[in-house]
């Protein structure tokens, strides 16, 4: 049993020494740490710059596309409004002309009727004055 204890202690010691030696080798100097940090910062700044550039280009392209779409739709809407206004104006003109003709005919007819009634009334008054009997 004592051999097992000694073997375990030796094995544990060897393991501890190899790990601490590994840490000692893995550690870099402060100067190298600064260089690595600077390089990492530089690379991060480059990546950020590229990402901002790409995002800006995409935003510009989307804005240009949206502006063109809006201009096209505005032009189309303006054309549609123009045509509808033109059609409405033509319809209103035709209805005004037709209404004016109808009113003119009605006024002319009313004037003729009124003139006949006035003539008949005047004749009756004239006959009354002259003493002629009323025809029935």
C-alpha atoms as a PDB file:
ATOM      1  CA  UNK A   1       0.000   0.000   0.000  1.00  0.00           C
ATOM      2  CA  UNK A   2       2.757   2.500   0.694  1.00  0.00           C
ATOM      3  CA  UNK A   3       3.938   2.028  -2.896  1.00  0.00           C
ATOM      4  CA  UNK A   4       0.554   3.046  -4.146  1.00  0.00           C
ATOM      5  CA  UNK A   5       0.664   6.218  -2.055  1.00  0.00           C
ATOM      6  CA  UNK A   6       4.098   7.093  -3.300  1.00  0.00           C
ATOM      7  CA  UNK A   7       3.058   6.369  -6.892  1.00  0.00           C
ATOM      8  CA  UNK A   8       0.000   8.601  -6.503  1.00  0.00           C
ATOM      9  CA  UNK A   9       2.060  11.403  -5.015  1.00  0.00           C
ATOM     10  CA  UNK A  10       4.639  11.168  -7.797  1.00  0.00           C
ATOM     11  CA  UNK A  11       1.938  11.110 -10.429  1.00  0.00           C
ATOM     12  CA  UNK A  12       0.147  14.089  -8.885  1.00  0.00           C
ATOM     13  CA  UNK A  13       3.415  16.017  -8.636  1.00  0.00           C
ATOM     14  CA  UNK A  14       4.276  15.315 -12.253  1.00  0.00           C
ATOM     15  CA  UNK A  15       0.853  16.392 -13.355  1.00  0.00           C
ATOM     16  CA  UNK A  16       1.066  19.635 -11.359  1.00  0.00           C
ATOM     17  CA  UNK A  17       4.509  20.476 -12.710  1.00  0.00           C
ATOM     18  CA  UNK A  18       3.479  19.834 -16.306  1.00  0.00           C
ATOM     19  CA  UNK A  19       0.411  22.045 -15.941  1.00  0.00           C
ATOM     20  CA  UNK A  20       2.290  24.922 -14.358  1.00  0.00           C
ATOM     21  CA  UNK A  21       4.982  24.666 -17.012  1.00  0.00           C
ATOM     22  CA  UNK A  22       2.272  24.759 -19.670  1.00  0.00           C
ATOM     23  CA  UNK A  23       0.847  27.954 -18.163  1.00  0.00           C
ATOM     24  CA  UNK A  24       4.260  29.493 -17.983  1.00  0.00           C
ATOM     25  CA  UNK A  25       4.898  28.770 -21.648  1.00  0.00           C
ATOM     26  CA  UNK A  26       1.411  29.894 -22.725  1.00  0.00           C
ATOM     27  CA  UNK A  27       1.700  33.302 -21.110  1.00  0.00           C
ATOM     28  CA  UNK A  28       2.859  36.097 -23.399  1.00  0.00           C
ATOM     29  CA  UNK A  29       4.818  39.133 -22.534  1.00  0.00           C
ATOM     30  CA  UNK A  30       2.966  42.404 -21.791  1.00  0.00           C
ATOM     31  CA  UNK A  31       4.445  43.872 -24.975  1.00  0.00           C
ATOM     32  CA  UNK A  32       2.971  41.042 -27.051  1.00  0.00           C
ATOM     33  CA  UNK A  33      -0.354  41.455 -25.237  1.00  0.00           C
ATOM     34  CA  UNK A  34      -0.428  45.134 -26.244  1.00  0.00           C
ATOM     35  CA  UNK A  35       0.370  44.277 -29.873  1.00  0.00           C
ATOM     36  CA  UNK A  36      -2.365  41.651 -29.941  1.00  0.00           C
ATOM     37  CA  UNK A  37      -4.875  44.056 -28.378  1.00  0.00           C
ATOM     38  CA  UNK A  38      -3.931  46.749 -30.916  1.00  0.00           C
ATOM     39  CA  UNK A  39      -4.287  44.341 -33.819  1.00  0.00           C
ATOM     40  CA  UNK A  40      -7.648  43.130 -32.529  1.00  0.00           C
ATOM     41  CA  UNK A  41      -8.848  46.733 -32.154  1.00  0.00           C
ATOM     42  CA  UNK A  42      -7.638  47.605 -35.654  1.00  0.00           C
ATOM     43  CA  UNK A  43      -9.423  44.579 -37.140  1.00  0.00           C
ATOM     44  CA  UNK A  44     -12.622  45.394 -35.235  1.00  0.00           C
ATOM     45  CA  UNK A  45     -12.488  48.985 -36.489  1.00  0.00           C
ATOM     46  CA  UNK A  46     -12.032  47.768 -40.082  1.00  0.00           C
ATOM     47  CA  UNK A  47     -14.951  45.350 -39.739  1.00  0.00           C
ATOM     48  CA  UNK A  48     -17.117  48.113 -38.277  1.00  0.00           C
ATOM     49  CA  UNK A  49     -16.126  50.486 -41.079  1.00  0.00           C
ATOM     50  CA  UNK A  50     -17.001  47.910 -43.715  1.00  0.00           C
ATOM     51  CA  UNK A  51     -20.332  47.190 -42.031  1.00  0.00           C
ATOM     52  CA  UNK A  52     -21.190  50.902 -41.850  1.00  0.00           C
ATOM     53  CA  UNK A  53     -20.168  51.368 -45.486  1.00  0.00           C
ATOM     54  CA  UNK A  54     -22.309  48.432 -46.594  1.00  0.00           C
ATOM     55  CA  UNK A  55     -25.275  49.649 -44.531  1.00  0.00           C
ATOM     56  CA  UNK A  56     -24.949  53.162 -45.922  1.00  0.00           C
ATOM     57  CA  UNK A  57     -24.849  51.890 -49.503  1.00  0.00           C
ATOM     58  CA  UNK A  58     -27.929  49.726 -48.909  1.00  0.00           C
ATOM     59  CA  UNK A  59     -29.795  52.629 -47.309  1.00  0.00           C
ATOM     60  CA  UNK A  60     -28.854  54.903 -50.224  1.00  0.00           C
ATOM     61  CA  UNK A  61     -30.018  52.351 -52.789  1.00  0.00           C
ATOM     62  CA  UNK A  62     -33.281  51.697 -50.941  1.00  0.00           C
ATOM     63  CA  UNK A  63     -33.926  55.440 -50.627  1.00  0.00           C
ATOM     64  CA  UNK A  64     -33.236  55.987 -54.326  1.00  0.00           C
ATOM     65  CA  UNK A  65     -35.518  53.091 -55.225  1.00  0.00           C
ATOM     66  CA  UNK A  66     -38.271  54.337 -52.914  1.00  0.00           C
ATOM     67  CA  UNK A  67     -38.000  57.843 -54.312  1.00  0.00           C
ATOM     68  CA  UNK A  68     -38.283  56.556 -57.883  1.00  0.00           C
ATOM     69  CA  UNK A  69     -41.299  54.439 -56.952  1.00  0.00           C
ATOM     70  CA  UNK A  70     -42.967  57.415 -55.258  1.00  0.00           C
ATOM     71  CA  UNK A  71     -42.289  59.628 -58.294  1.00  0.00           C
ATOM     72  CA  UNK A  72     -43.732  57.014 -60.661  1.00  0.00           C
ATOM     73  CA  UNK A  73     -46.848  56.570 -58.537  1.00  0.00           C
ATOM     74  CA  UNK A  74     -47.296  60.334 -58.236  1.00  0.00           C
ATOM     75  CA  UNK A  75     -47.023  60.743 -62.011  1.00  0.00           C
ATOM     76  CA  UNK A  76     -49.511  57.921 -62.543  1.00  0.00           C
ATOM     77  CA  UNK A  77     -51.928  59.414 -60.014  1.00  0.00           C
ATOM     78  CA  UNK A  78     -51.608  62.830 -61.639  1.00  0.00           C
ATOM     79  CA  UNK A  79     -52.404  61.367 -65.062  1.00  0.00           C
ATOM     80  CA  UNK A  80     -55.423  59.539 -63.644  1.00  0.00           C
ATOM     81  CA  UNK A  81     -56.687  62.691 -61.931  1.00  0.00           C
ATOM     82  CA  UNK A  82     -56.199  64.677 -65.135  1.00  0.00           C
ATOM     83  CA  UNK A  83     -58.205  62.181 -67.199  1.00  0.00           C
ATOM     84  CA  UNK A  84     -60.994  61.971 -64.630  1.00  0.00           C
ATOM     85  CA  UNK A  85     -61.182  65.764 -64.434  1.00  0.00           C
ATOM     86  CA  UNK A  86     -61.251  65.999 -68.216  1.00  0.00           C
ATOM     87  CA  UNK A  87     -64.074  63.435 -68.441  1.00  0.00           C
ATOM     88  CA  UNK A  88     -66.009  65.174 -65.672  1.00  0.00           C
ATOM     89  CA  UNK A  89     -65.629  68.533 -67.384  1.00  0.00           C
ATOM     90  CA  UNK A  90     -66.872  67.111 -70.705  1.00  0.00           C
ATOM     91  CA  UNK A  91     -69.857  65.508 -68.994  1.00  0.00           C
ATOM     92  CA  UNK A  92     -70.685  68.720 -67.156  1.00  0.00           C
ATOM     93  CA  UNK A  93     -70.401  70.711 -70.394  1.00  0.00           C
ATOM     94  CA  UNK A  94     -72.741  68.347 -72.258  1.00  0.00           C
ATOM     95  CA  UNK A  95     -75.281  68.395 -69.438  1.00  0.00           C
ATOM     96  CA  UNK A  96     -75.136  72.196 -69.254  1.00  0.00           C
ATOM     97  CA  UNK A  97     -75.685  72.499 -73.013  1.00  0.00           C
ATOM     98  CA  UNK A  98     -78.578  70.030 -72.927  1.00  0.00           C
ATOM     99  CA  UNK A  99     -80.106  71.740 -69.891  1.00  0.00           C
ATOM    100  CA  UNK A 100     -79.808  75.132 -71.542  1.00  0.00           C
ATOM    101  CA  UNK A 101     -81.541  73.817 -74.686  1.00  0.00           C
ATOM    102  CA  UNK A 102     -84.339  72.304 -72.617  1.00  0.00           C
ATOM    103  CA  UNK A 103     -84.786  75.484 -70.613  1.00  0.00           C
ATOM    104  CA  UNK A 104     -84.774  77.543 -73.818  1.00  0.00           C
ATOM    105  CA  UNK A 105     -87.471  75.341 -75.330  1.00  0.00           C
ATOM    106  CA  UNK A 106     -89.545  75.495 -72.149  1.00  0.00           C
ATOM    107  CA  UNK A 107     -89.175  79.272 -71.923  1.00  0.00           C
ATOM    108  CA  UNK A 108     -90.101  79.645 -75.603  1.00  0.00           C
ATOM    109  CA  UNK A 109     -93.158  77.432 -75.174  1.00  0.00           C
ATOM    110  CA  UNK A 110     -94.179  79.292 -72.003  1.00  0.00           C
ATOM    111  CA  UNK A 111     -93.785  82.614 -73.795  1.00  0.00           C
ATOM    112  CA  UNK A 112     -95.996  81.423 -76.672  1.00  0.00           C
ATOM    113  CA  UNK A 113     -98.660  80.182 -74.265  1.00  0.00           C
ATOM    114  CA  UNK A 114     -98.503  83.403 -72.258  1.00  0.00           C
ATOM    115  CA  UNK A 115     -98.725  85.472 -75.447  1.00  0.00           C
ATOM    116  CA  UNK A 116    -101.797  83.519 -76.615  1.00  0.00           C
ATOM    117  CA  UNK A 117    -103.424  83.849 -73.186  1.00  0.00           C
ATOM    118  CA  UNK A 118    -102.650  87.568 -73.154  1.00  0.00           C
ATOM    119  CA  UNK A 119    -104.060  87.957 -76.648  1.00  0.00           C
ATOM    120  CA  UNK A 120    -107.220  86.061 -75.720  1.00  0.00           C
ATOM    121  CA  UNK A 121    -107.591  88.065 -72.504  1.00  0.00           C
ATOM    122  CA  UNK A 122    -107.088  91.307 -74.391  1.00  0.00           C
ATOM    123  CA  UNK A 123    -109.658  90.222 -76.998  1.00  0.00           C
ATOM    124  CA  UNK A 124    -112.185  89.384 -74.280  1.00  0.00           C
ATOM    125  CA  UNK A 125    -111.625  92.736 -72.602  1.00  0.00           C
ATOM    126  CA  UNK A 126    -111.936  94.442 -75.984  1.00  0.00           C
ATOM    127  CA  UNK A 127    -115.153  92.497 -76.714  1.00  0.00           C
ATOM    128  CA  UNK A 128    -116.542  93.471 -73.291  1.00  0.00           C
ATOM    129  CA  UNK A 129    -115.776  97.076 -73.965  1.00  0.00           C
ATOM    130  CA  UNK A 130    -117.329  96.832 -77.405  1.00  0.00           C
ATOM    131  CA  UNK A 131    -120.371  95.093 -75.893  1.00  0.00           C
ATOM    132  CA  UNK A 132    -120.049  91.780 -77.733  1.00  0.00           C
ATOM    133  CA  UNK A 133    -121.381  88.728 -75.901  1.00  0.00           C
ATOM    134  CA  UNK A 134    -118.932  86.048 -74.622  1.00  0.00           C
ATOM    135  CA  UNK A 135    -118.817  82.925 -76.785  1.00  0.00           C
ATOM    136  CA  UNK A 136    -119.361  79.811 -74.748  1.00  0.00           C
END
